[in-house]
Amino acid sequence: MTKVLMVVTNHTEIDSEHKTGLWLEEFAVPYNIFKEKGYDIKVTSIQGGEVELDPNSIPEEDPKEWEDAQNQLKNTTKVTKEDANNFDVVFLPGGHGTMFDFPDSEVLQHILQEQAEANKIIGSVCHGPAGLVNVTYKDGTPLVKGKKVSAFTDSEEREMGLVEQMPFLLESKLRENGANFELADNWSVFSVRDGNLITGQNPQSSKSAANKIIEAIEGK
C-alpha cells in the first residue's frame, strides 16, 4: 500500500494583527484525493496536537467532504526523525504558518533530505515549499537547485499585503537556492513536476499538485 506522510504547520500568528495557521483547502483537497486512492495517510505536525487553521481559509459552510480531513487535525502526531524513509510520499500543505516553523525544523529537513536521497516523492503547495528552502542533499547541494519548482509567488504575497510581515519571500528564496521557478498569473491553477518533486503555486493548485503526485506514484 502506498504510504503518505502529510506534515502541517502549528504556527498561528504572523503578528498581533494577523492570525494564521494551516490553509484548509491545501490539506483537505489532497487528503481526500489520497484517501480515495486508498493510500495509507499519516497526518503529522511540527509540534503535534491540535492544528489551527488560517481563519481566512475556513469556508462559511464546512464542506461535508472535508469533515474527515478536519477531524485528522484535532490531535496530530508530532513529526519525528523516525518518520524518515517510511513513506512513499511526503506532502507539505501550506498556509502562512509554514513560513515560520517549516524552514528551521531540523526534523523536517532530515526527513526531506532522506526522501530526496532515496529519490522518493516530495510534494507541496503554496507556502508549503517553505519546508524546502533549507533542505540539501548530503553533499550540500540545495534540494531545489536546477529543479522546476513553483510556490506562492512574490506577486501574490504583495497582493496579500504581507510582504513586510514575512521572514522572507518564498519565490525569491527558492530562486536564490537555484530553483528554476515557474509561475502563472496570480491565483491561477498551476503546478509543476520535476521527476519526483511536485509543487503547486497557490491554494487553487492543491488538486492539480495532488494529481501530479498520483501520476508520479503510478509511474506515468
N, C-alpha and C. Protein backbone atom coordinates (compact mmCIF):
# COMPACT_ATOMS: atom_id res chain seq x y z
N MET A 1 0.84 -1.20 0.00
CA MET A 1 0.00 0.00 0.00
C MET A 1 0.88 1.25 0.00
N THR A 2 0.52 2.22 -0.81
CA THR A 2 1.25 3.48 -0.85
C THR A 2 1.06 4.24 0.45
N LYS A 3 2.18 4.70 1.03
CA LYS A 3 2.14 5.40 2.31
C LYS A 3 2.49 6.87 2.12
N VAL A 4 1.64 7.73 2.66
CA VAL A 4 1.80 9.18 2.51
C VAL A 4 1.95 9.83 3.88
N LEU A 5 3.00 10.63 4.04
CA LEU A 5 3.19 11.43 5.24
C LEU A 5 2.82 12.87 4.92
N MET A 6 1.83 13.40 5.62
CA MET A 6 1.46 14.80 5.48
C MET A 6 1.96 15.55 6.71
N VAL A 7 2.71 16.61 6.49
CA VAL A 7 3.27 17.41 7.58
C VAL A 7 2.68 18.82 7.49
N VAL A 8 2.07 19.29 8.58
CA VAL A 8 1.43 20.60 8.56
C VAL A 8 2.02 21.50 9.65
N THR A 9 1.73 22.78 9.51
CA THR A 9 2.25 23.80 10.42
C THR A 9 1.45 23.86 11.72
N ASN A 10 2.13 24.31 12.78
CA ASN A 10 1.45 24.64 14.03
C ASN A 10 1.50 26.13 14.34
N HIS A 11 2.14 26.92 13.49
CA HIS A 11 2.34 28.34 13.78
C HIS A 11 1.03 29.10 13.54
N THR A 12 0.65 29.95 14.48
CA THR A 12 -0.70 30.52 14.45
C THR A 12 -0.75 32.05 14.33
N GLU A 13 0.40 32.72 14.31
CA GLU A 13 0.35 34.18 14.30
C GLU A 13 1.46 34.77 13.45
N ILE A 14 1.07 35.65 12.52
CA ILE A 14 2.07 36.41 11.76
C ILE A 14 2.54 37.59 12.60
N ASP A 15 1.59 38.37 13.10
CA ASP A 15 1.85 39.43 14.08
C ASP A 15 0.55 39.64 14.85
N SER A 16 0.53 40.63 15.70
CA SER A 16 -0.63 40.83 16.56
C SER A 16 -1.91 41.09 15.78
N GLU A 17 -1.77 41.53 14.53
CA GLU A 17 -2.94 41.85 13.73
C GLU A 17 -3.34 40.74 12.76
N HIS A 18 -2.48 39.75 12.59
CA HIS A 18 -2.72 38.72 11.58
C HIS A 18 -2.57 37.32 12.18
N LYS A 19 -3.68 36.64 12.36
CA LYS A 19 -3.65 35.23 12.73
C LYS A 19 -3.38 34.39 11.48
N THR A 20 -2.77 33.25 11.68
CA THR A 20 -2.52 32.36 10.54
C THR A 20 -2.62 30.92 11.00
N GLY A 21 -2.07 30.01 10.22
CA GLY A 21 -2.15 28.59 10.52
C GLY A 21 -2.07 27.80 9.23
N LEU A 22 -2.66 26.63 9.25
CA LEU A 22 -2.75 25.78 8.06
C LEU A 22 -3.86 26.30 7.15
N TRP A 23 -3.60 26.30 5.83
CA TRP A 23 -4.66 26.68 4.88
C TRP A 23 -5.45 25.42 4.55
N LEU A 24 -6.73 25.42 4.95
CA LEU A 24 -7.52 24.19 4.95
C LEU A 24 -7.58 23.50 3.59
N GLU A 25 -7.87 24.24 2.53
CA GLU A 25 -8.02 23.62 1.21
C GLU A 25 -6.76 22.86 0.80
N GLU A 26 -5.61 23.40 1.16
CA GLU A 26 -4.33 22.80 0.74
C GLU A 26 -4.06 21.47 1.44
N PHE A 27 -4.74 21.26 2.56
CA PHE A 27 -4.68 19.98 3.25
C PHE A 27 -5.82 19.06 2.85
N ALA A 28 -7.05 19.60 2.91
CA ALA A 28 -8.24 18.76 2.75
C ALA A 28 -8.38 18.20 1.34
N VAL A 29 -8.09 19.00 0.33
CA VAL A 29 -8.25 18.52 -1.05
C VAL A 29 -7.27 17.39 -1.36
N PRO A 30 -5.96 17.57 -1.11
CA PRO A 30 -5.05 16.43 -1.34
C PRO A 30 -5.36 15.23 -0.44
N TYR A 31 -5.71 15.50 0.81
CA TYR A 31 -6.05 14.39 1.71
C TYR A 31 -7.15 13.52 1.11
N ASN A 32 -8.20 14.18 0.62
CA ASN A 32 -9.31 13.42 0.04
C ASN A 32 -8.89 12.66 -1.22
N ILE A 33 -8.05 13.28 -2.03
CA ILE A 33 -7.59 12.62 -3.25
C ILE A 33 -6.76 11.38 -2.89
N PHE A 34 -5.88 11.52 -1.90
CA PHE A 34 -5.07 10.36 -1.48
C PHE A 34 -5.96 9.28 -0.84
N LYS A 35 -6.93 9.73 -0.06
CA LYS A 35 -7.82 8.78 0.61
C LYS A 35 -8.63 7.98 -0.41
N GLU A 36 -9.13 8.67 -1.44
CA GLU A 36 -9.92 8.00 -2.48
C GLU A 36 -9.10 6.95 -3.23
N LYS A 37 -7.78 7.16 -3.29
CA LYS A 37 -6.91 6.18 -3.94
C LYS A 37 -6.59 5.00 -3.02
N GLY A 38 -7.01 5.10 -1.77
CA GLY A 38 -6.76 4.02 -0.83
C GLY A 38 -5.39 4.06 -0.19
N TYR A 39 -4.71 5.21 -0.25
CA TYR A 39 -3.38 5.32 0.33
C TYR A 39 -3.46 5.33 1.86
N ASP A 40 -2.39 4.87 2.48
CA ASP A 40 -2.25 4.91 3.94
C ASP A 40 -1.67 6.27 4.31
N ILE A 41 -2.47 7.12 4.97
CA ILE A 41 -2.08 8.51 5.23
C ILE A 41 -1.78 8.70 6.71
N LYS A 42 -0.63 9.28 7.01
CA LYS A 42 -0.30 9.68 8.38
C LYS A 42 -0.23 11.20 8.41
N VAL A 43 -1.04 11.80 9.27
CA VAL A 43 -1.08 13.27 9.39
C VAL A 43 -0.26 13.68 10.61
N THR A 44 0.76 14.48 10.39
CA THR A 44 1.62 14.95 11.47
C THR A 44 1.75 16.47 11.41
N SER A 45 2.27 17.03 12.49
CA SER A 45 2.56 18.46 12.50
C SER A 45 3.90 18.69 13.20
N ILE A 46 4.40 19.90 13.10
CA ILE A 46 5.73 20.20 13.64
C ILE A 46 5.77 19.99 15.15
N GLN A 47 4.72 20.40 15.85
CA GLN A 47 4.69 20.28 17.32
C GLN A 47 3.74 19.21 17.83
N GLY A 48 2.87 18.70 16.95
CA GLY A 48 1.86 17.75 17.40
C GLY A 48 0.66 18.47 18.01
N GLY A 49 -0.38 17.71 18.30
CA GLY A 49 -1.57 18.27 18.92
C GLY A 49 -2.54 18.85 17.90
N GLU A 50 -3.43 19.72 18.40
CA GLU A 50 -4.44 20.30 17.52
C GLU A 50 -3.81 21.33 16.59
N VAL A 51 -4.24 21.30 15.35
CA VAL A 51 -3.71 22.21 14.33
C VAL A 51 -4.71 23.33 14.08
N GLU A 52 -4.24 24.56 14.22
CA GLU A 52 -5.09 25.72 13.98
C GLU A 52 -5.15 26.01 12.47
N LEU A 53 -6.32 26.42 12.02
CA LEU A 53 -6.50 26.79 10.63
C LEU A 53 -6.37 28.30 10.47
N ASP A 54 -5.81 28.73 9.33
CA ASP A 54 -5.84 30.14 8.99
C ASP A 54 -7.31 30.56 8.92
N PRO A 55 -7.71 31.58 9.68
CA PRO A 55 -9.12 31.97 9.68
C PRO A 55 -9.67 32.27 8.29
N ASN A 56 -8.81 32.81 7.42
CA ASN A 56 -9.26 33.15 6.07
C ASN A 56 -9.51 31.93 5.19
N SER A 57 -9.07 30.76 5.65
CA SER A 57 -9.23 29.55 4.84
C SER A 57 -10.46 28.74 5.23
N ILE A 58 -11.17 29.19 6.25
CA ILE A 58 -12.33 28.43 6.73
C ILE A 58 -13.58 28.87 5.96
N PRO A 59 -14.21 27.98 5.21
CA PRO A 59 -15.41 28.35 4.45
C PRO A 59 -16.56 28.73 5.37
N GLU A 60 -17.46 29.55 4.85
CA GLU A 60 -18.64 29.93 5.65
C GLU A 60 -19.44 28.70 6.04
N GLU A 61 -19.55 27.77 5.13
CA GLU A 61 -20.19 26.49 5.44
C GLU A 61 -19.17 25.38 5.20
N ASP A 62 -18.95 24.57 6.23
CA ASP A 62 -17.98 23.49 6.09
C ASP A 62 -18.43 22.51 5.01
N PRO A 63 -17.61 22.30 3.98
CA PRO A 63 -17.96 21.27 3.00
C PRO A 63 -17.99 19.90 3.69
N LYS A 64 -19.07 19.17 3.48
CA LYS A 64 -19.21 17.86 4.12
C LYS A 64 -18.05 16.94 3.78
N GLU A 65 -17.56 17.08 2.54
CA GLU A 65 -16.49 16.18 2.10
C GLU A 65 -15.15 16.47 2.78
N TRP A 66 -15.04 17.58 3.49
CA TRP A 66 -13.80 17.91 4.20
C TRP A 66 -13.84 17.50 5.67
N GLU A 67 -14.95 16.95 6.12
CA GLU A 67 -15.11 16.64 7.54
C GLU A 67 -14.04 15.69 8.06
N ASP A 68 -13.80 14.61 7.33
CA ASP A 68 -12.81 13.63 7.80
C ASP A 68 -11.43 14.27 7.87
N ALA A 69 -11.10 15.06 6.85
CA ALA A 69 -9.79 15.73 6.84
C ALA A 69 -9.65 16.63 8.07
N GLN A 70 -10.69 17.41 8.36
CA GLN A 70 -10.62 18.31 9.51
C GLN A 70 -10.51 17.54 10.82
N ASN A 71 -11.15 16.38 10.89
CA ASN A 71 -11.05 15.57 12.11
C ASN A 71 -9.62 15.09 12.35
N GLN A 72 -8.85 14.92 11.28
CA GLN A 72 -7.47 14.48 11.40
C GLN A 72 -6.59 15.53 12.08
N LEU A 73 -7.08 16.77 12.12
CA LEU A 73 -6.29 17.88 12.65
C LEU A 73 -6.53 18.13 14.14
N LYS A 74 -7.44 17.39 14.73
CA LYS A 74 -7.80 17.65 16.12
C LYS A 74 -6.72 17.21 17.11
N ASN A 75 -5.95 16.20 16.74
CA ASN A 75 -4.89 15.73 17.63
C ASN A 75 -3.81 15.04 16.80
N THR A 76 -2.98 15.84 16.16
CA THR A 76 -1.98 15.27 15.24
C THR A 76 -0.79 14.72 16.01
N THR A 77 -0.12 13.78 15.38
CA THR A 77 1.13 13.24 15.89
C THR A 77 2.26 14.23 15.58
N LYS A 78 3.17 14.39 16.51
CA LYS A 78 4.35 15.22 16.26
C LYS A 78 5.28 14.48 15.30
N VAL A 79 5.69 15.17 14.25
CA VAL A 79 6.59 14.55 13.27
C VAL A 79 7.96 14.32 13.91
N THR A 80 8.57 13.17 13.64
CA THR A 80 9.87 12.85 14.23
C THR A 80 10.80 12.30 13.15
N LYS A 81 12.09 12.24 13.48
CA LYS A 81 13.07 11.71 12.52
C LYS A 81 12.79 10.25 12.20
N GLU A 82 12.07 9.57 13.08
CA GLU A 82 11.72 8.17 12.81
C GLU A 82 10.76 8.05 11.62
N ASP A 83 10.14 9.17 11.23
CA ASP A 83 9.25 9.14 10.06
C ASP A 83 10.04 9.09 8.75
N ALA A 84 11.32 9.35 8.79
CA ALA A 84 12.14 9.31 7.57
C ALA A 84 12.20 7.90 7.02
N ASN A 85 12.21 7.80 5.71
CA ASN A 85 12.38 6.53 4.98
C ASN A 85 11.22 5.56 5.10
N ASN A 86 10.12 5.99 5.70
CA ASN A 86 8.98 5.09 5.89
C ASN A 86 7.81 5.37 4.96
N PHE A 87 7.96 6.37 4.09
CA PHE A 87 6.83 6.79 3.28
C PHE A 87 7.20 6.93 1.80
N ASP A 88 6.25 6.60 0.96
CA ASP A 88 6.45 6.76 -0.48
C ASP A 88 6.37 8.22 -0.88
N VAL A 89 5.55 8.99 -0.14
CA VAL A 89 5.32 10.40 -0.44
C VAL A 89 5.38 11.20 0.86
N VAL A 90 6.07 12.35 0.81
CA VAL A 90 5.96 13.35 1.87
C VAL A 90 5.30 14.57 1.24
N PHE A 91 4.20 15.03 1.85
CA PHE A 91 3.45 16.16 1.29
C PHE A 91 3.32 17.27 2.31
N LEU A 92 3.62 18.51 1.85
CA LEU A 92 3.59 19.68 2.72
C LEU A 92 2.53 20.66 2.25
N PRO A 93 1.36 20.69 2.89
CA PRO A 93 0.39 21.75 2.60
C PRO A 93 0.92 23.08 3.15
N GLY A 94 0.31 24.17 2.69
CA GLY A 94 0.80 25.48 3.09
C GLY A 94 -0.05 26.19 4.13
N GLY A 95 -0.18 27.48 3.93
CA GLY A 95 -0.65 28.38 4.97
C GLY A 95 0.55 29.20 5.40
N HIS A 96 0.33 30.49 5.70
CA HIS A 96 1.46 31.34 6.06
C HIS A 96 2.23 30.83 7.28
N GLY A 97 1.57 30.00 8.10
CA GLY A 97 2.26 29.45 9.27
C GLY A 97 3.52 28.71 8.91
N THR A 98 3.53 28.06 7.74
CA THR A 98 4.70 27.27 7.33
C THR A 98 5.95 28.12 7.16
N MET A 99 5.76 29.41 6.87
CA MET A 99 6.91 30.29 6.67
C MET A 99 7.71 30.47 7.97
N PHE A 100 7.08 30.15 9.09
CA PHE A 100 7.71 30.38 10.39
C PHE A 100 8.23 29.11 11.05
N ASP A 101 7.57 27.97 10.85
CA ASP A 101 8.04 26.77 11.56
C ASP A 101 8.59 25.67 10.65
N PHE A 102 8.38 25.77 9.34
CA PHE A 102 8.95 24.75 8.44
C PHE A 102 10.45 24.94 8.18
N PRO A 103 10.92 26.15 7.83
CA PRO A 103 12.30 26.27 7.35
C PRO A 103 13.36 25.82 8.35
N ASP A 104 13.13 26.04 9.63
CA ASP A 104 14.16 25.75 10.62
C ASP A 104 13.91 24.46 11.41
N SER A 105 12.97 23.65 10.94
CA SER A 105 12.71 22.37 11.60
C SER A 105 13.76 21.35 11.17
N GLU A 106 14.64 21.00 12.10
CA GLU A 106 15.68 20.01 11.78
C GLU A 106 15.06 18.66 11.45
N VAL A 107 13.97 18.35 12.11
CA VAL A 107 13.28 17.07 11.84
C VAL A 107 12.77 17.04 10.41
N LEU A 108 12.09 18.11 9.99
CA LEU A 108 11.55 18.15 8.63
C LEU A 108 12.68 18.14 7.61
N GLN A 109 13.74 18.90 7.87
CA GLN A 109 14.88 18.90 6.95
C GLN A 109 15.46 17.50 6.80
N HIS A 110 15.58 16.78 7.91
CA HIS A 110 16.12 15.42 7.87
C HIS A 110 15.24 14.50 7.04
N ILE A 111 13.94 14.55 7.30
CA ILE A 111 13.00 13.70 6.56
C ILE A 111 13.06 13.98 5.07
N LEU A 112 13.07 15.26 4.71
CA LEU A 112 13.08 15.63 3.29
C LEU A 112 14.41 15.28 2.63
N GLN A 113 15.51 15.43 3.36
CA GLN A 113 16.81 15.04 2.81
C GLN A 113 16.83 13.54 2.52
N GLU A 114 16.36 12.75 3.47
CA GLU A 114 16.34 11.30 3.26
C GLU A 114 15.41 10.93 2.11
N GLN A 115 14.28 11.60 2.02
CA GLN A 115 13.33 11.34 0.94
C GLN A 115 13.96 11.65 -0.41
N ALA A 116 14.68 12.77 -0.47
CA ALA A 116 15.32 13.18 -1.72
C ALA A 116 16.48 12.24 -2.09
N GLU A 117 17.27 11.85 -1.10
CA GLU A 117 18.40 10.95 -1.36
C GLU A 117 17.91 9.61 -1.90
N ALA A 118 16.73 9.19 -1.46
CA ALA A 118 16.15 7.92 -1.92
C ALA A 118 15.33 8.09 -3.20
N ASN A 119 15.31 9.32 -3.72
CA ASN A 119 14.53 9.65 -4.92
C ASN A 119 13.07 9.26 -4.77
N LYS A 120 12.54 9.51 -3.57
CA LYS A 120 11.12 9.30 -3.33
C LYS A 120 10.37 10.62 -3.55
N ILE A 121 9.06 10.53 -3.57
CA ILE A 121 8.24 11.68 -3.96
C ILE A 121 8.11 12.69 -2.83
N ILE A 122 8.33 13.97 -3.18
CA ILE A 122 8.10 15.10 -2.29
C ILE A 122 7.11 16.02 -2.98
N GLY A 123 6.03 16.36 -2.30
CA GLY A 123 5.04 17.28 -2.86
C GLY A 123 4.74 18.41 -1.90
N SER A 124 4.39 19.56 -2.44
CA SER A 124 4.00 20.67 -1.57
C SER A 124 3.22 21.68 -2.40
N VAL A 125 2.52 22.58 -1.70
CA VAL A 125 1.68 23.54 -2.40
C VAL A 125 1.69 24.87 -1.65
N CYS A 126 1.66 25.96 -2.41
CA CYS A 126 1.52 27.33 -1.91
C CYS A 126 2.71 27.72 -1.03
N HIS A 127 2.52 27.90 0.28
CA HIS A 127 3.63 28.20 1.18
C HIS A 127 4.30 26.93 1.71
N GLY A 128 3.75 25.77 1.38
CA GLY A 128 4.37 24.51 1.80
C GLY A 128 5.83 24.39 1.40
N PRO A 129 6.22 24.88 0.19
CA PRO A 129 7.63 24.80 -0.19
C PRO A 129 8.58 25.59 0.71
N ALA A 130 8.04 26.33 1.68
CA ALA A 130 8.91 26.92 2.71
C ALA A 130 9.71 25.82 3.41
N GLY A 131 9.14 24.61 3.43
CA GLY A 131 9.85 23.48 4.02
C GLY A 131 11.04 23.01 3.22
N LEU A 132 11.14 23.45 1.97
CA LEU A 132 12.22 23.01 1.09
C LEU A 132 13.43 23.94 1.10
N VAL A 133 13.26 25.17 1.61
CA VAL A 133 14.28 26.19 1.35
C VAL A 133 15.62 25.89 2.00
N ASN A 134 15.64 25.19 3.12
CA ASN A 134 16.92 24.88 3.78
C ASN A 134 17.33 23.42 3.64
N VAL A 135 16.63 22.69 2.79
CA VAL A 135 16.95 21.27 2.62
C VAL A 135 18.03 21.11 1.57
N THR A 136 19.02 20.30 1.89
CA THR A 136 20.08 19.98 0.94
C THR A 136 20.23 18.47 0.82
N TYR A 137 20.86 18.05 -0.26
CA TYR A 137 21.36 16.68 -0.33
C TYR A 137 22.55 16.56 0.63
N LYS A 138 23.01 15.36 0.88
CA LYS A 138 24.08 15.16 1.85
C LYS A 138 25.39 15.80 1.42
N ASP A 139 25.52 16.09 0.10
CA ASP A 139 26.73 16.77 -0.36
C ASP A 139 26.62 18.29 -0.28
N GLY A 140 25.50 18.78 0.28
CA GLY A 140 25.33 20.21 0.46
C GLY A 140 24.58 20.92 -0.65
N THR A 141 24.28 20.21 -1.74
CA THR A 141 23.54 20.82 -2.84
C THR A 141 22.10 21.09 -2.42
N PRO A 142 21.59 22.32 -2.62
CA PRO A 142 20.19 22.58 -2.27
C PRO A 142 19.25 21.64 -3.02
N LEU A 143 18.24 21.17 -2.33
CA LEU A 143 17.28 20.25 -2.93
C LEU A 143 16.68 20.80 -4.22
N VAL A 144 16.41 22.11 -4.24
CA VAL A 144 15.68 22.70 -5.37
C VAL A 144 16.61 23.15 -6.49
N LYS A 145 17.91 23.08 -6.30
CA LYS A 145 18.83 23.60 -7.31
C LYS A 145 18.65 22.90 -8.66
N GLY A 146 18.40 23.70 -9.70
CA GLY A 146 18.24 23.15 -11.04
C GLY A 146 16.91 22.47 -11.28
N LYS A 147 16.00 22.53 -10.30
CA LYS A 147 14.71 21.85 -10.43
C LYS A 147 13.60 22.85 -10.78
N LYS A 148 12.63 22.38 -11.55
CA LYS A 148 11.42 23.17 -11.79
C LYS A 148 10.60 23.17 -10.51
N VAL A 149 10.30 24.35 -10.03
CA VAL A 149 9.59 24.50 -8.76
C VAL A 149 8.59 25.65 -8.89
N SER A 150 7.44 25.50 -8.24
CA SER A 150 6.52 26.62 -8.08
C SER A 150 6.17 26.74 -6.60
N ALA A 151 5.55 27.85 -6.25
CA ALA A 151 5.14 28.13 -4.88
C ALA A 151 4.37 29.44 -4.91
N PHE A 152 3.90 29.87 -3.75
CA PHE A 152 3.24 31.17 -3.64
C PHE A 152 4.22 32.24 -4.13
N THR A 153 3.77 33.04 -5.06
CA THR A 153 4.69 33.97 -5.72
C THR A 153 4.85 35.27 -4.94
N ASP A 154 5.94 35.97 -5.23
CA ASP A 154 6.15 37.28 -4.61
C ASP A 154 5.01 38.23 -4.96
N SER A 155 4.53 38.13 -6.19
CA SER A 155 3.43 38.99 -6.62
C SER A 155 2.15 38.70 -5.83
N GLU A 156 1.88 37.43 -5.60
CA GLU A 156 0.70 37.07 -4.80
C GLU A 156 0.86 37.55 -3.36
N GLU A 157 2.09 37.46 -2.84
CA GLU A 157 2.33 37.94 -1.47
C GLU A 157 2.13 39.45 -1.37
N ARG A 158 2.56 40.18 -2.41
CA ARG A 158 2.33 41.62 -2.43
C ARG A 158 0.84 41.93 -2.46
N GLU A 159 0.11 41.13 -3.24
CA GLU A 159 -1.34 41.35 -3.33
C GLU A 159 -2.02 41.08 -1.98
N MET A 160 -1.46 40.18 -1.20
CA MET A 160 -1.99 39.90 0.13
C MET A 160 -1.63 41.00 1.13
N GLY A 161 -0.65 41.83 0.78
CA GLY A 161 -0.22 42.90 1.68
C GLY A 161 0.59 42.41 2.86
N LEU A 162 1.29 41.27 2.68
CA LEU A 162 2.01 40.68 3.81
C LEU A 162 3.51 40.58 3.59
N VAL A 163 4.02 41.29 2.58
CA VAL A 163 5.45 41.20 2.28
C VAL A 163 6.30 41.58 3.49
N GLU A 164 5.95 42.68 4.14
CA GLU A 164 6.76 43.17 5.27
C GLU A 164 6.69 42.23 6.48
N GLN A 165 5.62 41.46 6.57
CA GLN A 165 5.44 40.59 7.73
C GLN A 165 6.10 39.22 7.58
N MET A 166 6.57 38.91 6.38
CA MET A 166 7.16 37.60 6.13
C MET A 166 8.64 37.59 6.50
N PRO A 167 9.14 36.47 7.01
CA PRO A 167 10.58 36.37 7.30
C PRO A 167 11.43 36.38 6.03
N PHE A 168 10.83 36.00 4.90
CA PHE A 168 11.47 36.05 3.58
C PHE A 168 10.37 35.89 2.55
N LEU A 169 10.71 36.17 1.30
CA LEU A 169 9.75 35.93 0.21
C LEU A 169 10.06 34.57 -0.40
N LEU A 170 9.05 33.73 -0.48
CA LEU A 170 9.27 32.33 -0.84
C LEU A 170 9.81 32.17 -2.26
N GLU A 171 9.18 32.82 -3.23
CA GLU A 171 9.68 32.73 -4.60
C GLU A 171 11.14 33.18 -4.68
N SER A 172 11.43 34.32 -4.08
CA SER A 172 12.80 34.86 -4.13
C SER A 172 13.79 33.90 -3.49
N LYS A 173 13.42 33.33 -2.35
CA LYS A 173 14.33 32.41 -1.66
C LYS A 173 14.59 31.15 -2.48
N LEU A 174 13.55 30.62 -3.10
CA LEU A 174 13.73 29.42 -3.93
C LEU A 174 14.62 29.73 -5.12
N ARG A 175 14.44 30.91 -5.72
CA ARG A 175 15.32 31.32 -6.83
C ARG A 175 16.77 31.45 -6.35
N GLU A 176 16.96 32.04 -5.17
CA GLU A 176 18.32 32.18 -4.61
C GLU A 176 18.98 30.82 -4.45
N ASN A 177 18.20 29.81 -4.16
CA ASN A 177 18.73 28.46 -3.97
C ASN A 177 18.90 27.69 -5.28
N GLY A 178 18.67 28.39 -6.39
CA GLY A 178 18.93 27.77 -7.69
C GLY A 178 17.76 27.11 -8.35
N ALA A 179 16.56 27.28 -7.79
CA ALA A 179 15.38 26.68 -8.41
C ALA A 179 15.07 27.36 -9.74
N ASN A 180 14.60 26.57 -10.69
CA ASN A 180 14.04 27.12 -11.93
C ASN A 180 12.57 27.40 -11.65
N PHE A 181 12.32 28.56 -11.09
CA PHE A 181 10.98 28.88 -10.59
C PHE A 181 10.02 29.14 -11.75
N GLU A 182 8.88 28.45 -11.72
CA GLU A 182 7.86 28.62 -12.76
C GLU A 182 6.57 29.10 -12.11
N LEU A 183 5.84 29.95 -12.83
CA LEU A 183 4.63 30.54 -12.26
C LEU A 183 3.64 30.89 -13.36
N ALA A 184 2.41 31.06 -12.93
CA ALA A 184 1.35 31.53 -13.81
C ALA A 184 0.81 32.83 -13.22
N ASP A 185 -0.24 33.36 -13.82
CA ASP A 185 -0.85 34.58 -13.29
C ASP A 185 -1.29 34.36 -11.85
N ASN A 186 -1.35 35.43 -11.09
CA ASN A 186 -1.80 35.34 -9.70
C ASN A 186 -3.12 34.58 -9.60
N TRP A 187 -3.16 33.63 -8.65
CA TRP A 187 -4.35 32.87 -8.31
C TRP A 187 -4.79 31.91 -9.41
N SER A 188 -3.93 31.68 -10.39
CA SER A 188 -4.22 30.67 -11.41
C SER A 188 -3.93 29.28 -10.85
N VAL A 189 -4.60 28.29 -11.42
CA VAL A 189 -4.25 26.90 -11.10
C VAL A 189 -2.96 26.57 -11.83
N PHE A 190 -1.91 26.24 -11.06
CA PHE A 190 -0.61 25.96 -11.68
C PHE A 190 0.22 25.08 -10.76
N SER A 191 0.71 23.98 -11.32
CA SER A 191 1.64 23.13 -10.58
C SER A 191 2.66 22.57 -11.56
N VAL A 192 3.81 22.18 -11.02
CA VAL A 192 4.88 21.64 -11.86
C VAL A 192 5.42 20.36 -11.24
N ARG A 193 5.89 19.51 -12.11
CA ARG A 193 6.53 18.28 -11.66
C ARG A 193 7.91 18.18 -12.29
N ASP A 194 8.91 17.96 -11.46
CA ASP A 194 10.26 17.70 -11.94
C ASP A 194 10.69 16.37 -11.33
N GLY A 195 10.52 15.31 -12.08
CA GLY A 195 10.79 13.98 -11.54
C GLY A 195 9.86 13.67 -10.38
N ASN A 196 10.44 13.48 -9.20
CA ASN A 196 9.64 13.17 -8.02
C ASN A 196 9.44 14.37 -7.11
N LEU A 197 9.66 15.57 -7.63
CA LEU A 197 9.39 16.80 -6.89
C LEU A 197 8.20 17.50 -7.54
N ILE A 198 7.13 17.66 -6.77
CA ILE A 198 5.89 18.26 -7.29
C ILE A 198 5.52 19.45 -6.41
N THR A 199 5.27 20.60 -7.04
CA THR A 199 4.93 21.80 -6.28
C THR A 199 3.80 22.57 -6.97
N GLY A 200 2.94 23.16 -6.15
CA GLY A 200 1.82 23.95 -6.66
C GLY A 200 1.92 25.39 -6.19
N GLN A 201 1.36 26.31 -6.97
CA GLN A 201 1.58 27.74 -6.76
C GLN A 201 0.77 28.33 -5.61
N ASN A 202 -0.45 27.90 -5.42
CA ASN A 202 -1.36 28.60 -4.50
C ASN A 202 -2.47 27.65 -4.07
N PRO A 203 -3.40 28.09 -3.22
CA PRO A 203 -4.45 27.16 -2.78
C PRO A 203 -5.24 26.54 -3.93
N GLN A 204 -5.47 27.33 -4.97
CA GLN A 204 -6.24 26.84 -6.13
C GLN A 204 -5.54 25.67 -6.82
N SER A 205 -4.26 25.51 -6.56
CA SER A 205 -3.45 24.48 -7.24
C SER A 205 -3.34 23.19 -6.44
N SER A 206 -4.08 23.09 -5.35
CA SER A 206 -3.98 21.91 -4.47
C SER A 206 -4.35 20.63 -5.20
N LYS A 207 -5.46 20.65 -5.92
CA LYS A 207 -5.90 19.46 -6.64
C LYS A 207 -4.92 19.09 -7.74
N SER A 208 -4.46 20.08 -8.48
CA SER A 208 -3.51 19.85 -9.57
C SER A 208 -2.23 19.21 -9.05
N ALA A 209 -1.70 19.72 -7.94
CA ALA A 209 -0.48 19.16 -7.37
C ALA A 209 -0.70 17.73 -6.90
N ALA A 210 -1.82 17.49 -6.23
CA ALA A 210 -2.11 16.14 -5.74
C ALA A 210 -2.24 15.14 -6.89
N ASN A 211 -2.86 15.57 -7.98
CA ASN A 211 -2.99 14.68 -9.14
C ASN A 211 -1.65 14.37 -9.78
N LYS A 212 -0.74 15.34 -9.77
CA LYS A 212 0.61 15.07 -10.29
C LYS A 212 1.36 14.08 -9.40
N ILE A 213 1.09 14.15 -8.10
CA ILE A 213 1.70 13.17 -7.19
C ILE A 213 1.20 11.77 -7.51
N ILE A 214 -0.08 11.64 -7.78
CA ILE A 214 -0.63 10.33 -8.16
C ILE A 214 0.02 9.82 -9.44
N GLU A 215 0.21 10.70 -10.39
CA GLU A 215 0.89 10.31 -11.63
C GLU A 215 2.29 9.80 -11.34
N ALA A 216 2.99 10.48 -10.43
CA ALA A 216 4.34 10.04 -10.07
C ALA A 216 4.31 8.68 -9.38
N ILE A 217 3.34 8.50 -8.48
CA ILE A 217 3.21 7.21 -7.79
C ILE A 217 2.97 6.08 -8.78
N GLU A 218 2.12 6.37 -9.77
CA GLU A 218 1.72 5.34 -10.74
C GLU A 218 2.70 5.22 -11.90
N GLY A 219 3.78 5.98 -11.84
CA GLY A 219 4.83 5.86 -12.84
C GLY A 219 4.44 6.39 -14.21
N LYS A 220 3.57 7.41 -14.24
CA LYS A 220 3.13 7.97 -15.50
C LYS A 220 4.01 9.14 -15.92
